[in-house]
C-alpha atoms as a PDB file:
ATOM      1  CA  SER A   1      -1.013   1.549  12.921  1.00  0.00           C
ATOM      2  CA  THR A   2      -0.507   3.828   9.912  1.00  0.00           C
ATOM      3  CA  ILE A   3       1.572   3.081   6.831  1.00  0.00           C
ATOM      4  CA  GLU A   4       2.611   6.235   4.977  1.00  0.00           C
ATOM      5  CA  PHE A   5       3.333   6.365   1.262  1.00  0.00           C
ATOM      6  CA  THR A   6       5.299   9.564   0.610  1.00  0.00           C
ATOM      7  CA  GLY A   7       7.060  10.573  -2.570  1.00  0.00           C
ATOM      8  CA  ALA A   8       6.898  12.552  -5.775  1.00  0.00           C
ATOM      9  CA  LEU A   9       3.773  12.881  -7.877  1.00  0.00           C
ATOM     10  CA  HIS A  10       3.452   9.829 -10.200  1.00  0.00           C
ATOM     11  CA  ALA A  11       6.000   7.841  -8.154  1.00  0.00           C
ATOM     12  CA  THR A  12       5.263   4.215  -7.270  1.00  0.00           C
ATOM     13  CA  ILE A  13       5.943   3.363  -3.640  1.00  0.00           C
ATOM     14  CA  VAL A  14       6.153  -0.204  -2.336  1.00  0.00           C
ATOM     15  CA  LYS A  15       5.850  -1.073   1.359  1.00  0.00           C
ATOM     16  CA  GLU A  16       5.995  -4.412   3.135  1.00  0.00           C
ATOM     17  CA  VAL A  17       3.950  -5.256   6.213  1.00  0.00           C
ATOM     18  CA  HIS A  18       5.967  -7.745   8.258  1.00  0.00           C
ATOM     19  CA  LEU A  19       4.008 -10.268  10.299  1.00  0.00           C
ATOM     20  CA  LYS A  20       5.437 -12.454  13.064  1.00  0.00           C
ATOM     21  CA  ASN A  21       3.992 -15.762  14.179  1.00  0.00           C
ATOM     22  CA  PRO A  22       5.093 -16.497  17.768  1.00  0.00           C
ATOM     23  CA  SER A  23       2.728 -19.481  18.102  1.00  0.00           C
ATOM     24  CA  LYS A  24       3.403 -23.173  17.532  1.00  0.00           C
ATOM     25  CA  SER A  25       0.798 -23.373  14.770  1.00  0.00           C
ATOM     26  CA  THR A  26       0.730 -22.118  11.193  1.00  0.00           C
ATOM     27  CA  LEU A  27      -1.208 -18.876  10.614  1.00  0.00           C
ATOM     28  CA  ALA A  28      -2.767 -17.713   7.359  1.00  0.00           C
ATOM     29  CA  TYR A  29      -4.173 -14.295   6.455  1.00  0.00           C
ATOM     30  CA  ASN A  30      -6.243 -12.887   3.600  1.00  0.00           C
ATOM     31  CA  ALA A  31      -5.628  -9.214   2.849  1.00  0.00           C
ATOM     32  CA  VAL A  32      -8.423  -6.857   1.808  1.00  0.00           C
ATOM     33  CA  LEU A  33      -8.144  -3.188   0.792  1.00  0.00           C
ATOM     34  CA  VAL A  34     -11.166  -1.003   1.593  1.00  0.00           C
ATOM     35  CA  GLY A  35     -11.923   2.703   1.701  1.00  0.00           C
ATOM     36  CA  ARG A  36     -12.243   5.801  -0.460  1.00  0.00           C
ATOM     37  CA  ASP A  37      -9.028   5.242  -2.449  1.00  0.00           C
ATOM     38  CA  ALA A  38      -8.676   1.464  -2.098  1.00  0.00           C
ATOM     39  CA  ASP A  39      -8.581   1.043  -5.894  1.00  0.00           C
ATOM     40  CA  ASP A  40      -5.340   3.068  -6.044  1.00  0.00           C
ATOM     41  CA  PHE A  41      -3.541   0.608  -3.752  1.00  0.00           C
ATOM     42  CA  SER A  42      -2.638  -2.922  -4.830  1.00  0.00           C
ATOM     43  CA  LEU A  43      -1.248  -6.180  -3.457  1.00  0.00           C
ATOM     44  CA  PRO A  44       1.171  -7.162  -6.271  1.00  0.00           C
ATOM     45  CA  LYS A  45       2.366 -10.395  -4.676  1.00  0.00           C
ATOM     46  CA  GLY A  46      -1.126 -11.635  -3.879  1.00  0.00           C
ATOM     47  CA  ASN A  47      -3.590 -11.161  -1.069  1.00  0.00           C
ATOM     48  CA  THR A  48      -2.744 -14.221   1.033  1.00  0.00           C
ATOM     49  CA  VAL A  49       0.151 -15.028   3.307  1.00  0.00           C
ATOM     50  CA  THR A  50       0.902 -18.196   5.276  1.00  0.00           C
ATOM     51  CA  ILE A  51       3.274 -17.934   8.211  1.00  0.00           C
ATOM     52  CA  PRO A  52       4.868 -21.102   9.603  1.00  0.00           C
ATOM     53  CA  PRO A  53       5.294 -21.479  13.395  1.00  0.00           C
ATOM     54  CA  ALA A  54       7.889 -19.130  14.958  1.00  0.00           C
ATOM     55  CA  ARG A  55       8.566 -17.507  11.563  1.00  0.00           C
ATOM     56  CA  GLN A  56       7.814 -14.271   9.727  1.00  0.00           C
ATOM     57  CA  GLY A  57       5.797 -13.424   6.638  1.00  0.00           C
ATOM     58  CA  PHE A  58       4.934 -10.259   4.785  1.00  0.00           C
ATOM     59  CA  ILE A  59       2.299  -8.622   2.605  1.00  0.00           C
ATOM     60  CA  THR A  60       3.464  -6.203  -0.112  1.00  0.00           C
ATOM     61  CA  VAL A  61       1.382  -3.059  -0.696  1.00  0.00           C
ATOM     62  CA  GLU A  62       1.987  -0.862  -3.750  1.00  0.00           C
ATOM     63  CA  PHE A  63       0.718   2.652  -4.442  1.00  0.00           C
ATOM     64  CA  THR A  64       1.220   5.075  -7.345  1.00  0.00           C
ATOM     65  CA  ILE A  65       0.640   8.719  -6.421  1.00  0.00           C
ATOM     66  CA  ARG A  66      -1.764  10.053  -9.049  1.00  0.00           C
ATOM     67  CA  PHE A  67      -3.282  13.099  -7.326  1.00  0.00           C
ATOM     68  CA  LEU A  68      -2.076  15.979  -5.153  1.00  0.00           C
ATOM     69  CA  ARG A  69      -4.687  15.266  -2.489  1.00  0.00           C
ATOM     70  CA  PRO A  70      -3.842  12.637   0.136  1.00  0.00           C
ATOM     71  CA  ALA A  71      -5.157   9.144  -0.602  1.00  0.00           C
ATOM     72  CA  GLU A  72      -6.602   7.004   2.198  1.00  0.00           C
ATOM     73  CA  ALA A  73      -7.509   3.345   2.512  1.00  0.00           C
ATOM     74  CA  VAL A  74      -7.478   0.546   5.067  1.00  0.00           C
ATOM     75  CA  LEU A  75      -5.631  -2.765   4.823  1.00  0.00           C
ATOM     76  CA  ILE A  76      -7.487  -5.513   6.697  1.00  0.00           C
ATOM     77  CA  LEU A  77      -5.741  -8.823   7.408  1.00  0.00           C
ATOM     78  CA  ILE A  78      -8.307 -11.519   8.175  1.00  0.00           C
ATOM     79  CA  SER A  79      -7.110 -14.774   9.674  1.00  0.00           C
ATOM     80  CA  THR A  80      -8.161 -18.077   8.128  1.00  0.00           C
ATOM     81  CA  LYS A  81      -8.019 -21.321  10.064  1.00  0.00           C
ATOM     82  CA  VAL A  82      -4.962 -23.492   9.598  1.00  0.00           C
ATOM     83  CA  ASP A  83      -4.261 -26.318  12.053  1.00  0.00           C
ATOM     84  CA  GLY A  84      -7.510 -25.306  13.810  1.00  0.00           C
ATOM     85  CA  ILE A  85      -6.001 -21.985  14.984  1.00  0.00           C
ATOM     86  CA  ASP A  86      -7.315 -18.501  14.230  1.00  0.00           C
ATOM     87  CA  GLY A  87      -5.078 -15.437  14.428  1.00  0.00           C
ATOM     88  CA  ALA A  88      -6.229 -11.943  15.329  1.00  0.00           C
ATOM     89  CA  THR A  89      -7.715  -9.709  12.637  1.00  0.00           C
ATOM     90  CA  MET A  90      -5.421  -6.731  12.017  1.00  0.00           C
ATOM     91  CA  THR A  91      -6.034  -3.361  10.377  1.00  0.00           C
ATOM     92  CA  PHE A  92      -3.608  -0.791   9.019  1.00  0.00           C
ATOM     93  CA  SER A  93      -4.413   2.726   7.862  1.00  0.00           C
ATOM     94  CA  LEU A  94      -2.823   3.583   4.488  1.00  0.00           C
ATOM     95  CA  LYS A  95      -2.155   7.259   3.732  1.00  0.00           C
ATOM     96  CA  SER A  96      -0.268   9.070   0.994  1.00  0.00           C
ATOM     97  CA  GLU A  97       1.436  12.426   0.806  1.00  0.00           C
ATOM     98  CA  VAL A  98       3.015  14.212  -2.157  1.00  0.00           C
ATOM     99  CA  LYS A  99       6.440  15.530  -1.135  1.00  0.00           C
ATOM    100  CA  ASN A 100       7.449  17.084  -4.452  1.00  0.00           C
ATOM    101  CA  ILE A 101       6.443  17.451  -8.068  1.00  0.00           C
ATOM    102  CA  GLU A 102       8.956  16.738 -10.798  1.00  0.00           C
ATOM    103  CA  PRO A 103       8.202  17.521 -14.434  1.00  0.00           C
ATOM    104  CA  HIS A 104       8.062  14.672 -16.925  1.00  0.00           C
ATOM    105  CA  GLY A 105       9.560  16.950 -19.531  1.00  0.00           C
ATOM    106  CA  MET A 106       9.808  20.522 -20.722  1.00  0.00           C
ATOM    107  CA  VAL A 107       8.511  22.191 -23.862  1.00  0.00           C
ATOM    108  CA  LYS A 108      10.080  25.396 -25.174  1.00  0.00           C
ATOM    109  CA  CYS A 109       8.037  27.644 -27.379  1.00  0.00           C
ATOM    110  CA  ARG A 110       8.235  31.191 -28.682  1.00  0.00           C
ATOM    111  CA  SER A 111       5.242  33.367 -29.141  1.00  0.00           C
ATOM    112  CA  PRO A 112       4.666  37.079 -29.384  1.00  0.00           C
ATOM    113  CA  CYS A 113       3.224  38.577 -26.232  1.00  0.00           C
ATOM    114  CA  TYR A 114       1.064  41.033 -28.153  1.00  0.00           C
ATOM    115  CA  GLU A 115       0.090  41.344 -31.752  1.00  0.00           C
ATOM    116  CA  LEU A 116      -1.972  44.072 -33.442  1.00  0.00           C
END
């Protein structure tokens, strides 16, 4: 599955990965970011999530678009044993795309075009 971060250059985009636990046991996951641009992505609310039985949990991923080229990374969710149960390891592809460029400000200046 791919999670796309699209927006303006220098914009910060926040996405949540929702996780469901259909089992009768508690599940816990550790999140890891790997790949070429993994340092540009962050997990602002921490890299662990515990999901009670028959409930939902989420991992928050944040990205600030710093370059015009697309950024790529992989989010890996690794299950840790709780109540003796292991969940499946999950991976998500993270990709960015710049949709527009907005100036931070404008500077007006006057200068002669040609001078002898």
